[in-house]
Amino acid sequence: MLRFGRRSSAATKLKAVEQVQGWIEFTPQGVVLDASDLLLQAVGYARHELIGRHHRTLCDAAYASTPEHAALWERLARGERDAGIYPRRRKDGSELWLQASYVPVRGLGGRVSRIVKFATDITAQQAERAAMSSRLAAVDRQQPELRARRVVAGADGLADFHHQIAQRRAALPFDIDGVVYKVDRLDLQQRLGFVTREPRWAVAHKYPAQEQVTQLLGIEIQVGRTGALTPVARLAPVFVGGTTVSNATLHNEDEIRRKDIRIGDSVVVRRAGDVIPEIVGRVLERRPADAVEFVMPTVCPVCGSAVFREEGEKVARCSGGLFCAAQRKQALLHFAGRRALDIEGLGERIVDQLVDAGLVHTPADLFRLGVGTLSALERMADRSAANLVAALEQARHTTLERFIFALGIRHVGESTARDLARHFGSLDSLLAADDARLLEVEDVGPVVAASIARFFDQPHNREVIEQLRAAGVSWPETESAPRAIAAIGPLAGCTVVLTGTLPTLTRDQASELVISAGGKVSGSVSKKTDYVVAGDEAGSKLDKARALGVAVLDEDAFRRLLAGELNPMKVS
């Protein structure tokens, strides 16, 4: 239904409707337009410009769908009204394709102010072959200053249009970063269809980003939430692509070396995709004699912890994961996660407030919070505060593997944390381990061993661990890893993959059963997989298991295997 703002004049309404081509149905409620077909393009401009929250029905006359209603239309055209006689067009496939030159528009006095004319010579096939350009012509007539479209043929025509718009780009009353090529015929658009994010019948042709020259005043280091150190250029302000740019990312140390950028250089700045400022390169002939090469710091500028860069990586990182203020929120959220200490109720909103207010600096500070402190936070009632304090109290009693995972050591996930806890049995043994001993742990290679050793080498991290212990965080420990017990379990040495939804077991519960039986849980199926436990809606993992001939178990067979009632050698 065409609807207009309260202040729209009758002339505006009439002019909009007169441009509509397609089929229209009039009902006692108003004009109904088929928005799912041709009129989507035909009236898109009218909807954008004229729809308002407060509206008045354009027309309340009914469409006469058969010749028997010709007399009715004549009376309507003369301003006469037959109360109660408003036949609707049938939806049985026999509707007409019409071109509306004029439609009756009722003025404030209730009289029909325009005569209805219909031409029935536009067939459905012709309508389907209509072109988008003809539907949008009305936009150009109403707003000629915005006209920036043309129907062309061939690559040369596209390139010529792209060039001409580039010459007009600066004079347009809006910013653009390119042009869009579209297939004009609507039936071909429908045949081409869409992919996930865009239509197949349209493609963007971007213009090169606008560039300017300015001076690089300095390079500062930003520390991200994950500890990544990013060099950021501080520039003499310069106007580029519609905005003033004074900062631009330099990505990493290798990128600075590749572009040979030095502090004091004149540099070329652009906005990548007309959005993100970046430095393209330097103007070598303008380099001053006192230009300074950039050197990546060896300690974190935020917390003073050592900076490291792993082999094969471009990003330098801070090693003070538990202590660094830049990583504080991320570290706290990870520490409280469901697979770590599982502190229910400690979400991102609460963490943001605690850190911003200076109430929490390390995970150990969480266990010093009381109901009074928490209830003072925004949208935190006494009951919610009491529940969070109870959750913190419960989190004090955990397991060694959960605690190791909660520390957020790079490259140490749940599986590796579990292997470390089994192998060393106690946290003190893990803290005392060197690279050689770490490499003895199953599935721990040189990169992971170096990451663990680096984390525990930082005094700040060890201090936070001791603070957590002092706050009452504890777990059962053993003098040595219970590898012998695991070796005699029904799944000793076996790799199990879980997929789908099991009837009575959650994924975590099933994983615990596998581990307690001496097995290992994997996230992917391979030739080394011994069993796949499949529930409802199992996906590609089940298909791959069948293709590789891996044994597939349902929950009942899985439980019988754990209980020793099923011979592993006979499972198929």
Protein backbone atom coordinates (compact mmCIF):
# COMPACT_ATOMS: atom_id res chain seq x y z
CA MET A 1 0.00 0.00 0.00
CA LEU A 2 1.35 3.43 -0.95
CA ARG A 3 1.44 5.63 2.13
CA PHE A 4 2.48 9.22 2.53
CA GLY A 5 3.56 11.57 5.28
CA ARG A 6 0.97 13.78 6.93
CA ARG A 7 2.32 16.87 5.17
CA SER A 8 2.52 15.36 1.68
CA SER A 9 0.52 17.40 -0.82
CA ALA A 10 -2.06 15.90 -3.18
CA ALA A 11 0.16 16.85 -6.10
CA THR A 12 3.09 14.95 -4.58
CA LYS A 13 0.89 11.88 -4.09
CA LEU A 14 -0.48 12.00 -7.59
CA LYS A 15 2.93 12.52 -9.19
CA ALA A 16 4.34 9.53 -7.33
CA VAL A 17 1.51 7.22 -8.29
CA GLU A 18 1.50 8.29 -11.93
CA GLN A 19 5.06 6.99 -12.29
CA VAL A 20 4.12 3.48 -11.17
CA GLN A 21 4.14 0.81 -13.87
CA GLY A 22 3.10 -2.72 -13.09
CA TRP A 23 -0.14 -4.13 -11.83
CA ILE A 24 -2.15 -2.45 -9.11
CA GLU A 25 -5.08 -3.71 -7.07
CA PHE A 26 -7.53 -1.36 -5.39
CA THR A 27 -9.37 -2.56 -2.29
CA PRO A 28 -11.68 -0.91 0.24
CA GLN A 29 -8.60 -0.52 2.40
CA GLY A 30 -6.44 1.16 -0.22
CA VAL A 31 -4.06 0.55 -3.12
CA VAL A 32 -2.21 -2.78 -2.91
CA LEU A 33 1.07 -3.02 -4.83
CA ASP A 34 2.84 -6.32 -5.51
CA ALA A 35 6.07 -5.54 -3.66
CA SER A 36 7.46 -9.02 -4.33
CA ASP A 37 7.57 -8.49 -8.10
CA LEU A 38 8.06 -5.63 -10.50
CA LEU A 39 6.85 -2.83 -8.28
CA LEU A 40 9.62 -3.38 -5.76
CA GLN A 41 11.88 -1.43 -8.09
CA ALA A 42 9.11 0.75 -9.50
CA VAL A 43 8.04 2.31 -6.20
CA GLY A 44 11.20 1.94 -4.16
CA TYR A 45 11.85 5.66 -4.44
CA ALA A 46 8.31 6.50 -3.37
CA ARG A 47 8.56 4.34 -0.28
CA HIS A 48 11.90 5.83 0.67
CA GLU A 49 10.77 9.42 0.22
CA LEU A 50 7.12 9.37 1.20
CA ILE A 51 6.35 6.69 3.78
CA GLY A 52 5.80 8.19 7.19
CA ARG A 53 4.65 7.00 10.57
CA HIS A 54 1.50 9.09 10.11
CA HIS A 55 -0.15 8.28 6.81
CA ARG A 56 -3.35 8.70 4.86
CA THR A 57 -4.69 6.08 2.47
CA LEU A 58 -4.12 7.17 -1.08
CA CYS A 59 -7.20 5.63 -2.62
CA ASP A 60 -10.13 3.64 -1.32
CA ALA A 61 -11.70 2.73 -4.67
CA ALA A 62 -11.85 -0.91 -5.72
CA TYR A 63 -10.44 -2.44 -8.90
CA ALA A 64 -13.12 -3.72 -11.27
CA SER A 65 -11.71 -7.03 -12.42
CA THR A 66 -14.33 -7.97 -15.05
CA PRO A 67 -16.13 -6.18 -17.93
CA GLU A 68 -19.33 -6.26 -15.89
CA HIS A 69 -17.83 -3.57 -13.67
CA ALA A 70 -17.21 -1.10 -16.48
CA ALA A 71 -20.30 0.85 -15.55
CA LEU A 72 -19.08 1.00 -11.95
CA TRP A 73 -15.78 2.53 -13.10
CA GLU A 74 -17.63 5.12 -15.18
CA ARG A 75 -19.62 6.18 -12.13
CA LEU A 76 -16.46 6.27 -10.02
CA ALA A 77 -14.74 8.40 -12.65
CA ARG A 78 -17.63 10.88 -12.49
CA GLY A 79 -17.28 11.07 -8.72
CA GLU A 80 -20.24 8.83 -7.96
CA ARG A 81 -19.99 6.16 -5.28
CA ASP A 82 -21.96 2.92 -4.95
CA ALA A 83 -21.77 2.02 -1.28
CA GLY A 84 -20.62 -1.55 -0.57
CA ILE A 85 -19.70 -2.45 -4.18
CA TYR A 86 -15.90 -2.90 -4.13
CA PRO A 87 -15.03 -6.17 -5.94
CA ARG A 88 -11.48 -7.50 -5.39
CA ARG A 89 -9.27 -8.98 -8.06
CA ARG A 90 -9.11 -12.74 -7.88
CA LYS A 91 -5.88 -14.51 -6.94
CA ASP A 92 -6.46 -17.56 -9.14
CA GLY A 93 -3.86 -16.64 -11.77
CA SER A 94 -6.22 -14.75 -14.06
CA GLU A 95 -5.12 -11.28 -13.05
CA LEU A 96 -4.30 -8.70 -15.69
CA TRP A 97 -0.99 -6.93 -16.15
CA LEU A 98 -1.80 -3.26 -16.32
CA GLN A 99 -0.11 0.05 -16.89
CA ALA A 100 -1.64 2.78 -14.74
CA SER A 101 -1.53 6.18 -16.37
CA TYR A 102 -3.79 7.75 -13.79
CA VAL A 103 -5.50 6.40 -10.73
CA PRO A 104 -8.33 7.94 -8.76
CA VAL A 105 -7.02 10.07 -5.91
CA ARG A 106 -9.62 11.18 -3.43
CA GLY A 107 -9.23 14.73 -2.26
CA LEU A 108 -10.20 16.11 1.10
CA GLY A 109 -13.75 16.69 -0.16
CA GLY A 110 -14.21 13.00 -0.91
CA ARG A 111 -14.42 13.43 -4.70
CA VAL A 112 -12.45 11.41 -7.24
CA SER A 113 -10.05 13.95 -8.70
CA ARG A 114 -8.54 11.85 -11.50
CA ILE A 115 -9.98 9.59 -14.17
CA VAL A 116 -8.84 5.98 -14.33
CA LYS A 117 -7.19 4.75 -17.53
CA PHE A 118 -5.95 1.20 -17.99
CA ALA A 119 -4.06 -0.32 -20.90
CA THR A 120 -4.31 -4.12 -20.94
CA ASP A 121 -1.78 -4.71 -23.70
CA ILE A 122 1.20 -5.41 -21.37
CA THR A 123 1.45 -9.18 -21.01
CA ALA A 124 2.99 -11.06 -18.14
CA GLN A 125 5.89 -12.13 -20.36
CA GLN A 126 6.62 -8.53 -21.33
CA ALA A 127 6.49 -7.46 -17.72
CA GLU A 128 8.97 -10.18 -16.71
CA ARG A 129 11.39 -8.96 -19.38
CA ALA A 130 11.15 -5.38 -18.14
CA ALA A 131 14.33 -3.54 -17.30
CA MET A 132 15.44 -2.10 -13.98
CA SER A 133 16.49 1.11 -15.72
CA SER A 134 12.91 1.88 -16.75
CA ARG A 135 11.69 1.31 -13.20
CA LEU A 136 14.26 3.79 -11.85
CA ALA A 137 13.66 6.47 -14.48
CA ALA A 138 11.17 8.23 -12.20
CA VAL A 139 13.92 8.74 -9.63
CA ASP A 140 15.99 10.64 -12.17
CA ARG A 141 13.04 12.83 -13.11
CA GLN A 142 12.31 13.77 -9.50
CA GLN A 143 15.95 14.26 -8.44
CA PRO A 144 18.02 15.02 -11.56
CA GLU A 145 20.99 16.16 -9.45
CA LEU A 146 21.41 12.58 -8.28
CA ARG A 147 21.27 11.06 -11.74
CA ALA A 148 24.30 8.84 -12.13
CA ARG A 149 23.21 5.78 -14.08
CA ARG A 150 23.25 4.61 -17.68
CA VAL A 151 22.45 1.49 -19.66
CA VAL A 152 25.56 0.36 -21.57
CA ALA A 153 26.71 -2.73 -23.42
CA GLY A 154 30.10 -4.42 -23.25
CA ALA A 155 33.23 -3.94 -21.16
CA ASP A 156 34.19 -0.73 -22.97
CA GLY A 157 30.88 0.84 -22.05
CA LEU A 158 31.37 -0.11 -18.40
CA ALA A 159 34.89 1.28 -18.34
CA ASP A 160 33.79 4.53 -20.00
CA PHE A 161 30.99 5.01 -17.45
CA HIS A 162 33.40 4.28 -14.59
CA HIS A 163 35.78 6.94 -15.95
CA GLN A 164 33.06 9.57 -16.41
CA ILE A 165 31.71 9.11 -12.87
CA ALA A 166 35.26 9.41 -11.55
CA GLN A 167 35.49 12.85 -13.17
CA ARG A 168 32.19 13.87 -11.55
CA ARG A 169 33.02 12.29 -8.17
CA ALA A 170 34.14 15.46 -6.41
CA ALA A 171 31.02 17.37 -7.52
CA LEU A 172 28.50 14.77 -6.31
CA PRO A 173 26.47 15.79 -3.22
CA PHE A 174 27.50 12.55 -1.49
CA ASP A 175 30.65 10.44 -1.10
CA ILE A 176 31.18 7.32 -3.23
CA ASP A 177 33.99 4.79 -3.45
CA GLY A 178 33.05 3.22 -6.79
CA VAL A 179 30.23 2.26 -9.12
CA VAL A 180 28.05 -0.85 -9.31
CA TYR A 181 27.38 -2.74 -12.53
CA LYS A 182 23.98 -4.47 -12.67
CA VAL A 183 22.29 -6.71 -15.21
CA ASP A 184 19.41 -4.55 -16.45
CA ARG A 185 16.76 -7.13 -17.29
CA LEU A 186 14.76 -8.25 -14.29
CA ASP A 187 14.12 -11.76 -15.61
CA LEU A 188 17.88 -12.31 -16.00
CA GLN A 189 18.43 -10.99 -12.49
CA GLN A 190 16.00 -13.58 -11.20
CA ARG A 191 17.76 -16.37 -13.11
CA LEU A 192 21.18 -15.34 -11.81
CA GLY A 193 19.95 -15.19 -8.22
CA PHE A 194 21.99 -14.50 -5.09
CA VAL A 195 24.89 -15.88 -3.12
CA THR A 196 25.07 -15.53 0.65
CA ARG A 197 25.96 -11.84 0.82
CA GLU A 198 25.33 -10.37 -2.59
CA PRO A 199 23.49 -10.84 -5.91
CA ARG A 200 25.23 -12.55 -8.81
CA TRP A 201 23.83 -9.94 -11.17
CA ALA A 202 25.70 -7.00 -9.60
CA VAL A 203 29.38 -6.26 -9.02
CA ALA A 204 31.18 -3.25 -7.54
CA HIS A 205 34.05 -1.52 -9.33
CA LYS A 206 35.95 0.53 -6.76
CA TYR A 207 38.01 3.63 -7.36
CA PRO A 208 41.59 3.85 -6.15
CA ALA A 209 41.74 5.23 -2.63
CA GLN A 210 42.48 8.94 -2.38
CA GLU A 211 46.03 9.65 -1.23
CA GLN A 212 47.80 12.56 0.47
CA VAL A 213 51.33 13.23 1.72
CA THR A 214 52.02 14.11 5.36
CA GLN A 215 54.80 13.75 7.96
CA LEU A 216 55.30 10.76 10.27
CA LEU A 217 55.77 12.39 13.69
CA GLY A 218 56.25 9.22 15.72
CA ILE A 219 55.40 5.54 16.21
CA GLU A 220 53.63 4.40 19.35
CA ILE A 221 52.79 0.89 20.53
CA GLN A 222 49.25 -0.26 21.30
CA VAL A 223 48.73 -3.45 23.32
CA GLY A 224 45.59 -5.34 22.38
CA ARG A 225 43.30 -7.47 24.52
CA THR A 226 45.20 -10.61 23.51
CA GLY A 227 48.63 -9.07 24.19
CA ALA A 228 49.48 -8.29 20.56
CA LEU A 229 51.73 -5.24 20.14
CA THR A 230 50.74 -3.06 17.20
CA PRO A 231 52.80 -0.08 16.03
CA VAL A 232 50.62 2.96 15.29
CA ALA A 233 51.81 5.94 13.26
CA ARG A 234 51.22 9.43 14.66
CA LEU A 235 50.85 11.77 11.70
CA ALA A 236 50.65 15.46 11.07
CA PRO A 237 46.87 15.86 10.49
CA VAL A 238 45.91 15.58 6.83
CA PHE A 239 42.53 15.60 5.05
CA VAL A 240 42.04 12.34 3.12
CA GLY A 241 38.87 10.97 1.58
CA GLY A 242 36.49 13.24 3.43
CA THR A 243 38.05 13.06 6.91
CA THR A 244 41.08 14.30 8.83
CA VAL A 245 43.62 11.54 9.53
CA SER A 246 46.18 11.79 12.33
CA ASN A 247 46.74 8.09 13.14
CA ALA A 248 47.29 5.00 10.99
CA THR A 249 48.15 1.39 11.81
CA LEU A 250 51.52 0.04 10.72
CA HIS A 251 50.49 -3.57 11.45
CA ASN A 252 53.80 -5.06 12.60
CA GLU A 253 57.56 -4.63 12.60
CA ASP A 254 58.05 -6.55 9.35
CA GLU A 255 55.66 -4.23 7.53
CA ILE A 256 57.62 -1.18 8.70
CA ARG A 257 60.87 -2.77 7.49
CA ARG A 258 59.34 -3.73 4.14
CA LYS A 259 58.12 -0.19 3.47
CA ASP A 260 61.34 1.32 4.91
CA ILE A 261 59.38 3.82 6.98
CA ARG A 262 61.27 5.98 9.48
CA ILE A 263 60.17 8.56 12.02
CA GLY A 264 60.38 11.99 10.38
CA ASP A 265 59.66 10.70 6.86
CA SER A 266 57.11 12.21 4.50
CA VAL A 267 54.64 9.39 3.94
CA VAL A 268 51.77 8.71 1.55
CA VAL A 269 48.50 8.16 3.42
CA ARG A 270 45.25 6.74 2.10
CA ARG A 271 42.07 5.27 3.53
CA ALA A 272 41.90 1.60 2.57
CA GLY A 273 38.46 1.02 1.06
CA ASP A 274 37.88 4.70 1.88
CA VAL A 275 37.54 3.61 5.52
CA ILE A 276 40.74 2.57 7.33
CA PRO A 277 43.74 4.95 7.24
CA GLU A 278 46.98 3.30 6.15
CA ILE A 279 50.46 4.34 5.09
CA VAL A 280 51.24 3.29 1.52
CA GLY A 281 54.93 4.19 1.57
CA ARG A 282 57.46 6.95 2.09
CA VAL A 283 58.67 9.76 -0.18
CA LEU A 284 62.36 8.93 -0.20
CA GLU A 285 63.55 12.18 -1.78
CA ARG A 286 62.02 14.10 1.17
CA ARG A 287 63.68 11.97 3.88
CA PRO A 288 65.41 14.23 6.47
CA ALA A 289 68.95 13.49 7.62
CA ASP A 290 67.77 12.85 11.19
CA ALA A 291 65.08 10.28 10.32
CA VAL A 292 64.98 7.54 13.00
CA GLU A 293 64.50 3.82 12.40
CA PHE A 294 61.80 2.10 14.45
CA VAL A 295 62.80 -0.53 17.01
CA MET A 296 60.20 -2.81 18.58
CA PRO A 297 60.41 -2.55 22.39
CA THR A 298 61.61 -5.58 24.35
CA VAL A 299 59.25 -4.93 27.28
CA CYS A 300 55.53 -4.20 27.27
CA PRO A 301 54.88 -0.44 27.46
CA VAL A 302 51.83 -1.11 29.64
CA CYS A 303 53.03 -3.59 32.29
CA GLY A 304 56.80 -3.99 31.77
CA SER A 305 56.61 -7.73 31.03
CA ALA A 306 58.90 -9.25 28.43
CA VAL A 307 57.87 -9.03 24.79
CA PHE A 308 58.26 -12.14 22.64
CA ARG A 309 57.74 -13.09 19.03
CA GLU A 310 57.27 -16.72 18.14
CA GLU A 311 59.06 -18.24 15.19
CA GLY A 312 57.03 -17.94 12.01
CA GLU A 313 54.77 -15.20 13.40
CA LYS A 314 54.77 -11.50 12.53
CA VAL A 315 53.12 -10.27 15.70
CA ALA A 316 55.06 -9.45 18.88
CA ARG A 317 53.21 -10.15 22.13
CA CYS A 318 53.30 -9.23 25.80
CA SER A 319 53.95 -12.18 28.12
CA GLY A 320 52.21 -10.65 31.17
CA GLY A 321 48.85 -12.27 30.52
CA LEU A 322 47.52 -12.22 34.10
CA PHE A 323 49.06 -8.89 35.05
CA CYS A 324 48.97 -6.63 31.98
CA ALA A 325 46.28 -3.95 32.25
CA ALA A 326 45.71 -3.96 28.49
CA GLN A 327 44.78 -7.66 28.64
CA ARG A 328 42.93 -7.48 31.94
CA LYS A 329 39.33 -7.75 30.76
CA GLN A 330 40.06 -10.58 28.34
CA ALA A 331 42.06 -12.46 30.99
CA LEU A 332 39.24 -12.12 33.53
CA LEU A 333 36.56 -13.30 31.10
CA HIS A 334 38.67 -16.32 30.16
CA PHE A 335 39.41 -17.08 33.82
CA ALA A 336 35.69 -17.06 34.65
CA GLY A 337 34.65 -19.05 31.58
CA ARG A 338 32.53 -22.18 31.74
CA ARG A 339 35.43 -24.48 30.88
CA ALA A 340 37.80 -22.68 33.29
CA LEU A 341 36.70 -21.78 36.83
CA ASP A 342 33.07 -21.48 35.70
CA ILE A 343 32.09 -18.37 37.70
CA GLU A 344 28.40 -18.08 36.91
CA GLY A 345 27.13 -14.52 36.59
CA LEU A 346 30.50 -12.92 35.87
CA GLY A 347 29.89 -11.73 32.33
CA GLU A 348 31.32 -9.01 30.13
CA ARG A 349 29.11 -6.24 31.53
CA ILE A 350 30.19 -6.92 35.12
CA VAL A 351 33.85 -7.32 34.19
CA ASP A 352 33.82 -4.01 32.32
CA GLN A 353 32.47 -2.21 35.38
CA LEU A 354 34.86 -3.90 37.80
CA VAL A 355 37.92 -3.05 35.72
CA ASP A 356 36.81 0.47 34.79
CA ALA A 357 36.13 1.27 38.45
CA GLY A 358 39.57 -0.02 39.47
CA LEU A 359 38.07 -2.73 41.71
CA VAL A 360 39.78 -5.66 39.99
CA HIS A 361 43.31 -5.75 38.62
CA THR A 362 44.05 -9.49 38.59
CA PRO A 363 41.90 -12.63 38.88
CA ALA A 364 42.85 -12.88 42.55
CA ASP A 365 40.99 -9.61 43.24
CA LEU A 366 37.71 -11.29 42.27
CA PHE A 367 37.75 -13.38 45.44
CA ARG A 368 37.99 -10.27 47.62
CA LEU A 369 34.70 -8.82 46.34
CA GLY A 370 31.76 -8.64 48.72
CA VAL A 371 28.03 -8.17 48.34
CA GLY A 372 28.27 -4.48 49.24
CA THR A 373 30.84 -3.75 46.53
CA LEU A 374 29.01 -5.72 43.85
CA SER A 375 25.55 -4.35 44.66
CA ALA A 376 26.87 -0.82 44.04
CA LEU A 377 27.47 -1.69 40.38
CA GLU A 378 25.01 -0.59 37.72
CA ARG A 379 21.97 -2.88 37.35
CA MET A 380 23.25 -5.17 40.11
CA ALA A 381 20.71 -5.84 42.88
CA ASP A 382 21.55 -7.34 46.26
CA ARG A 383 20.28 -10.76 45.22
CA SER A 384 22.39 -10.82 42.05
CA ALA A 385 25.41 -9.68 44.05
CA ALA A 386 24.85 -12.44 46.61
CA ASN A 387 24.56 -15.03 43.83
CA LEU A 388 27.85 -13.89 42.30
CA VAL A 389 29.62 -14.04 45.68
CA ALA A 390 28.28 -17.60 46.10
CA ALA A 391 29.55 -18.50 42.61
CA LEU A 392 32.99 -17.13 43.50
CA GLU A 393 33.02 -19.17 46.67
CA GLN A 394 32.16 -22.31 44.70
CA ALA A 395 34.87 -21.51 42.12
CA ARG A 396 37.51 -21.63 44.86
CA HIS A 397 37.28 -25.43 44.69
CA THR A 398 38.33 -26.59 41.23
CA THR A 399 40.64 -29.08 39.51
CA LEU A 400 44.24 -28.64 38.45
CA GLU A 401 43.45 -28.96 34.76
CA ARG A 402 40.74 -26.28 34.96
CA PHE A 403 43.09 -23.97 36.85
CA ILE A 404 45.87 -24.42 34.28
CA PHE A 405 43.42 -23.71 31.46
CA ALA A 406 42.06 -20.65 33.34
CA LEU A 407 45.52 -19.06 33.39
CA GLY A 408 45.19 -18.32 29.68
CA ILE A 409 48.61 -19.57 28.60
CA ARG A 410 49.06 -19.17 24.87
CA HIS A 411 48.63 -22.47 22.97
CA VAL A 412 47.33 -24.26 26.08
CA GLY A 413 43.76 -25.37 25.53
CA GLU A 414 41.61 -27.78 27.51
CA SER A 415 43.29 -30.89 26.15
CA THR A 416 46.83 -29.66 26.79
CA ALA A 417 45.86 -28.44 30.27
CA ARG A 418 44.50 -31.90 31.01
CA ASP A 419 47.69 -33.56 29.78
CA LEU A 420 49.83 -31.22 31.90
CA ALA A 421 47.76 -31.91 35.02
CA ARG A 422 47.99 -35.67 34.48
CA HIS A 423 51.69 -35.62 33.77
CA PHE A 424 52.87 -33.40 36.65
CA GLY A 425 50.14 -34.09 39.20
CA SER A 426 50.77 -30.79 41.05
CA LEU A 427 51.15 -27.15 40.13
CA ASP A 428 54.53 -26.86 41.87
CA SER A 429 55.94 -29.63 39.69
CA LEU A 430 54.67 -27.83 36.61
CA LEU A 431 56.17 -24.52 37.78
CA ALA A 432 59.55 -26.18 38.25
CA ALA A 433 59.58 -27.90 34.84
CA ASP A 434 62.00 -26.80 32.14
CA ASP A 435 61.56 -27.19 28.40
CA ALA A 436 62.97 -30.72 28.43
CA ARG A 437 60.47 -31.93 31.01
CA LEU A 438 57.60 -30.15 29.28
CA LEU A 439 58.44 -31.94 26.04
CA GLU A 440 57.87 -35.26 27.83
CA VAL A 441 54.15 -34.44 28.08
CA GLU A 442 51.96 -36.08 25.47
CA ASP A 443 51.18 -33.77 22.50
CA VAL A 444 53.40 -30.96 23.81
CA GLY A 445 55.86 -29.81 21.17
CA PRO A 446 58.61 -27.17 21.15
CA VAL A 447 56.26 -24.22 20.47
CA VAL A 448 53.84 -25.12 23.28
CA ALA A 449 56.68 -25.95 25.69
CA ALA A 450 58.34 -22.59 25.01
CA SER A 451 55.02 -20.77 25.55
CA ILE A 452 54.43 -22.48 28.91
CA ALA A 453 57.98 -21.84 30.12
CA ARG A 454 57.80 -18.20 29.01
CA PHE A 455 54.53 -17.67 30.90
CA PHE A 456 55.84 -19.09 34.17
CA ASP A 457 59.16 -17.25 33.82
CA GLN A 458 57.36 -13.92 34.31
CA PRO A 459 57.45 -12.87 38.00
CA HIS A 460 54.12 -11.03 37.56
CA ASN A 461 52.34 -14.23 36.53
CA ARG A 462 53.81 -16.24 39.40
CA GLU A 463 52.78 -13.51 41.81
CA VAL A 464 49.15 -13.67 40.63
CA ILE A 465 49.19 -17.48 41.02
CA GLU A 466 50.36 -17.13 44.61
CA GLN A 467 47.66 -14.51 45.24
CA LEU A 468 45.04 -16.96 43.96
CA ARG A 469 46.30 -19.65 46.27
CA ALA A 470 46.24 -17.20 49.17
CA ALA A 471 42.63 -16.32 48.28
CA GLY A 472 41.67 -19.97 48.83
CA VAL A 473 41.64 -21.31 45.28
CA SER A 474 42.59 -24.98 45.61
CA TRP A 475 42.43 -28.32 43.81
CA PRO A 476 43.35 -31.96 44.55
CA GLU A 477 46.98 -32.78 43.78
CA THR A 478 49.09 -35.93 43.56
CA GLU A 479 52.83 -36.46 43.81
CA SER A 480 53.00 -37.98 40.35
CA ALA A 481 50.69 -38.30 37.38
CA PRO A 482 48.21 -41.19 37.48
CA ARG A 483 49.30 -42.48 34.11
CA ALA A 484 49.30 -46.09 35.24
CA ILE A 485 45.63 -45.90 36.24
CA ALA A 486 44.69 -44.41 32.91
CA ALA A 487 46.71 -47.04 31.08
CA ILE A 488 44.47 -49.85 32.30
CA GLY A 489 41.12 -48.19 31.51
CA PRO A 490 38.80 -49.63 28.84
CA LEU A 491 39.74 -46.78 26.47
CA ALA A 492 43.46 -46.68 27.30
CA GLY A 493 45.36 -45.26 24.33
CA CYS A 494 42.15 -44.73 22.32
CA THR A 495 41.08 -41.56 20.54
CA VAL A 496 37.36 -40.80 20.61
CA VAL A 497 35.38 -38.20 18.64
CA LEU A 498 31.98 -36.98 19.87
CA THR A 499 29.36 -35.69 17.44
CA GLY A 500 25.66 -34.92 17.54
CA THR A 501 23.37 -34.74 20.59
CA LEU A 502 23.39 -37.75 22.93
CA PRO A 503 20.12 -38.72 24.68
CA THR A 504 21.26 -38.33 28.30
CA LEU A 505 24.85 -37.06 28.23
CA THR A 506 26.12 -33.56 27.54
CA ARG A 507 29.28 -33.16 25.50
CA ASP A 508 31.26 -32.30 28.64
CA GLN A 509 29.93 -35.34 30.53
CA ALA A 510 30.78 -37.68 27.67
CA SER A 511 34.27 -36.17 27.44
CA GLU A 512 34.85 -36.74 31.15
CA LEU A 513 33.83 -40.38 30.78
CA VAL A 514 36.27 -40.87 27.92
CA ILE A 515 39.12 -39.25 29.85
CA SER A 516 38.42 -41.17 33.07
CA ALA A 517 38.52 -44.40 31.04
CA GLY A 518 42.03 -43.56 29.80
CA GLY A 519 41.00 -42.25 26.39
CA LYS A 520 41.53 -38.98 24.59
CA VAL A 521 38.84 -36.76 23.07
CA SER A 522 39.56 -35.30 19.65
CA GLY A 523 37.65 -32.71 17.66
CA SER A 524 38.21 -34.23 14.23
CA VAL A 525 38.00 -37.65 12.61
CA SER A 526 41.10 -39.23 11.05
CA LYS A 527 42.59 -42.65 10.42
CA LYS A 528 43.96 -42.53 13.97
CA THR A 529 40.45 -42.22 15.46
CA ASP A 530 39.33 -45.37 17.28
CA TYR A 531 35.67 -44.55 17.94
CA VAL A 532 33.08 -41.98 16.97
CA VAL A 533 30.22 -41.60 19.44
CA ALA A 534 27.28 -40.24 17.46
CA GLY A 535 23.97 -38.81 18.64
CA ASP A 536 21.08 -37.10 16.91
CA GLU A 537 21.83 -34.65 14.09
CA ALA A 538 25.39 -35.91 13.69
CA GLY A 539 26.98 -34.22 10.71
CA SER A 540 30.09 -34.48 8.59
CA LYS A 541 32.12 -36.23 11.30
CA LEU A 542 29.79 -39.21 11.12
CA ASP A 543 30.03 -39.29 7.32
CA LYS A 544 33.81 -39.17 7.45
CA ALA A 545 33.93 -41.93 10.08
CA ARG A 546 31.89 -44.23 7.86
CA ALA A 547 34.04 -43.40 4.86
CA LEU A 548 37.22 -44.25 6.82
CA GLY A 549 35.73 -47.36 8.41
CA VAL A 550 35.97 -45.96 11.96
CA ALA A 551 33.77 -47.69 14.56
CA VAL A 552 30.58 -45.71 15.28
CA LEU A 553 28.81 -46.05 18.64
CA ASP A 554 25.50 -44.76 19.93
CA GLU A 555 25.19 -43.79 23.59
CA ASP A 556 24.08 -47.26 24.70
CA ALA A 557 27.05 -48.95 23.01
CA PHE A 558 29.35 -46.26 24.41
CA ARG A 559 28.19 -46.95 27.96
CA ARG A 560 28.56 -50.70 27.48
CA LEU A 561 32.09 -50.19 26.17
CA LEU A 562 32.98 -48.13 29.25
CA ALA A 563 31.48 -50.80 31.52
CA GLY A 564 33.53 -53.54 29.87
CA GLU A 565 30.41 -55.26 28.51
CA LEU A 566 31.44 -54.68 24.91
CA ASN A 567 34.59 -56.15 23.44
CA PRO A 568 36.53 -53.30 21.81
CA MET A 569 37.94 -55.66 19.22
CA LYS A 570 34.42 -56.57 18.01
CA VAL A 571 33.05 -53.04 17.73
CA SER A 572 32.32 -52.09 14.12
